Protein backbone atom coordinates (compact mmCIF):
# COMPACT_ATOMS: atom_id res chain seq x y z
CA MET A 1 31.02 -67.26 -124.86
CA ALA A 2 34.24 -65.97 -126.39
CA LYS A 3 37.36 -65.33 -124.37
CA LYS A 4 37.84 -61.61 -123.77
CA SER A 5 41.07 -59.67 -123.59
CA ALA A 6 42.09 -57.79 -120.46
CA SER A 7 41.10 -54.42 -121.92
CA GLU A 8 37.67 -55.77 -122.93
CA LEU A 9 37.06 -57.11 -119.40
CA ILE A 10 38.06 -53.82 -117.80
CA SER A 11 35.85 -51.93 -120.24
CA SER A 12 32.89 -54.24 -119.51
CA PHE A 13 33.36 -53.78 -115.77
CA SER A 14 33.53 -49.99 -116.22
CA ASN A 15 30.27 -50.08 -118.20
CA ILE A 16 28.55 -52.11 -115.48
CA VAL A 17 29.75 -49.87 -112.65
CA GLY A 18 29.18 -46.66 -114.58
CA GLU A 19 30.30 -43.37 -113.08
CA ASN A 20 30.34 -44.65 -109.51
CA THR A 21 33.68 -43.59 -108.00
CA ASN A 22 33.36 -45.43 -104.74
CA GLU A 23 36.80 -46.27 -103.29
CA ASP A 24 35.90 -49.96 -103.07
CA ILE A 25 35.00 -50.10 -106.76
CA ILE A 26 38.16 -48.25 -107.79
CA GLY A 27 40.26 -50.58 -105.63
CA PHE A 28 38.52 -53.62 -107.06
CA MET A 29 39.07 -52.35 -110.59
CA LYS A 30 42.80 -51.90 -109.89
CA ASP A 31 42.93 -55.43 -108.47
CA ILE A 32 41.31 -56.79 -111.62
CA GLU A 33 43.73 -54.88 -113.82
CA ASP A 34 46.76 -56.05 -111.81
CA SER A 35 45.54 -59.65 -111.95
CA ILE A 36 44.72 -59.68 -115.65
CA VAL A 37 47.43 -57.54 -117.20
CA VAL A 38 50.66 -59.50 -117.41
CA ASP A 39 53.87 -57.62 -116.80
CA PRO A 40 56.12 -58.05 -119.88
CA TYR A 41 59.18 -58.17 -117.64
CA GLU A 42 57.66 -61.02 -115.68
CA GLU A 43 57.13 -62.99 -118.90
CA LYS A 44 60.70 -62.24 -119.99
CA TYR A 45 62.04 -63.28 -116.56
CA ASN A 46 60.08 -66.54 -116.61
CA GLN A 47 61.33 -67.33 -120.12
CA LEU A 48 64.96 -66.60 -119.16
CA LEU A 49 64.59 -68.73 -116.04
CA LYS A 50 63.16 -71.59 -118.10
CA ASP A 51 65.98 -71.31 -120.67
CA TYR A 52 68.60 -71.24 -117.90
CA ARG A 53 67.17 -74.33 -116.23
CA GLU A 54 67.06 -76.20 -119.54
CA ARG A 55 70.66 -75.26 -120.30
CA PHE A 56 71.79 -76.16 -116.78
CA GLU A 57 70.07 -79.54 -116.85
CA SER A 58 71.48 -80.34 -120.29
CA ALA A 59 74.97 -79.44 -118.99
CA GLN A 60 74.56 -82.04 -116.26
CA ASP A 61 73.66 -84.61 -118.90
CA VAL A 62 76.88 -83.81 -120.74
CA GLU A 63 78.92 -84.10 -117.53
CA ASP A 64 77.31 -87.44 -116.75
CA SER A 65 78.22 -88.75 -120.19
CA ASN A 66 81.81 -87.50 -119.77
CA GLU A 67 82.13 -89.21 -116.40
CA SER A 68 81.09 -92.52 -117.85
CA SER A 69 83.81 -92.35 -120.52
CA ASP A 70 87.37 -93.50 -119.85
CA ILE A 71 88.93 -90.03 -119.82
CA VAL A 72 91.75 -89.66 -117.32
CA HIS A 73 92.06 -86.23 -115.77
CA GLU A 74 95.48 -85.19 -114.59
CA GLU A 75 95.78 -83.24 -111.40
CA VAL A 76 97.98 -80.19 -111.70
CA HIS A 77 99.65 -78.83 -108.60
CA ASP A 78 101.43 -75.53 -108.95
CA GLU A 79 104.05 -74.43 -106.51
CA ILE A 80 102.63 -71.93 -104.06
CA ILE A 81 104.82 -68.87 -103.63
CA ASP A 82 104.26 -66.48 -100.76
CA THR A 83 104.29 -62.98 -102.21
CA THR A 84 104.11 -59.83 -100.15
CA ILE A 85 103.50 -56.25 -101.21
CA ASP A 86 107.19 -55.50 -100.66
CA ASP A 87 108.10 -58.27 -103.10
CA LEU A 88 105.85 -56.72 -105.71
CA MET A 89 107.31 -53.25 -105.21
CA GLU A 90 110.89 -54.53 -105.65
CA GLU A 91 110.21 -55.77 -109.15
């Protein structure tokens, strides 16, 4: 038996049910359609999420390799100046 597309499955179900417009059948048909038809935004979101995770994990690998090297990081401390709104208005 060949794999059918979503539209073929919905069409087959419609042919089986016929013109019966019972609320249960209509609800079931909507459930089938919602379950089978994939939202293109959901696919796009999942792909973006996957790409983000791959990029984030590869960034950790780069950080780990940098930490293992003998690079010395200097700490920079700037002088903290208290500035008020009046000080800003004077200038």
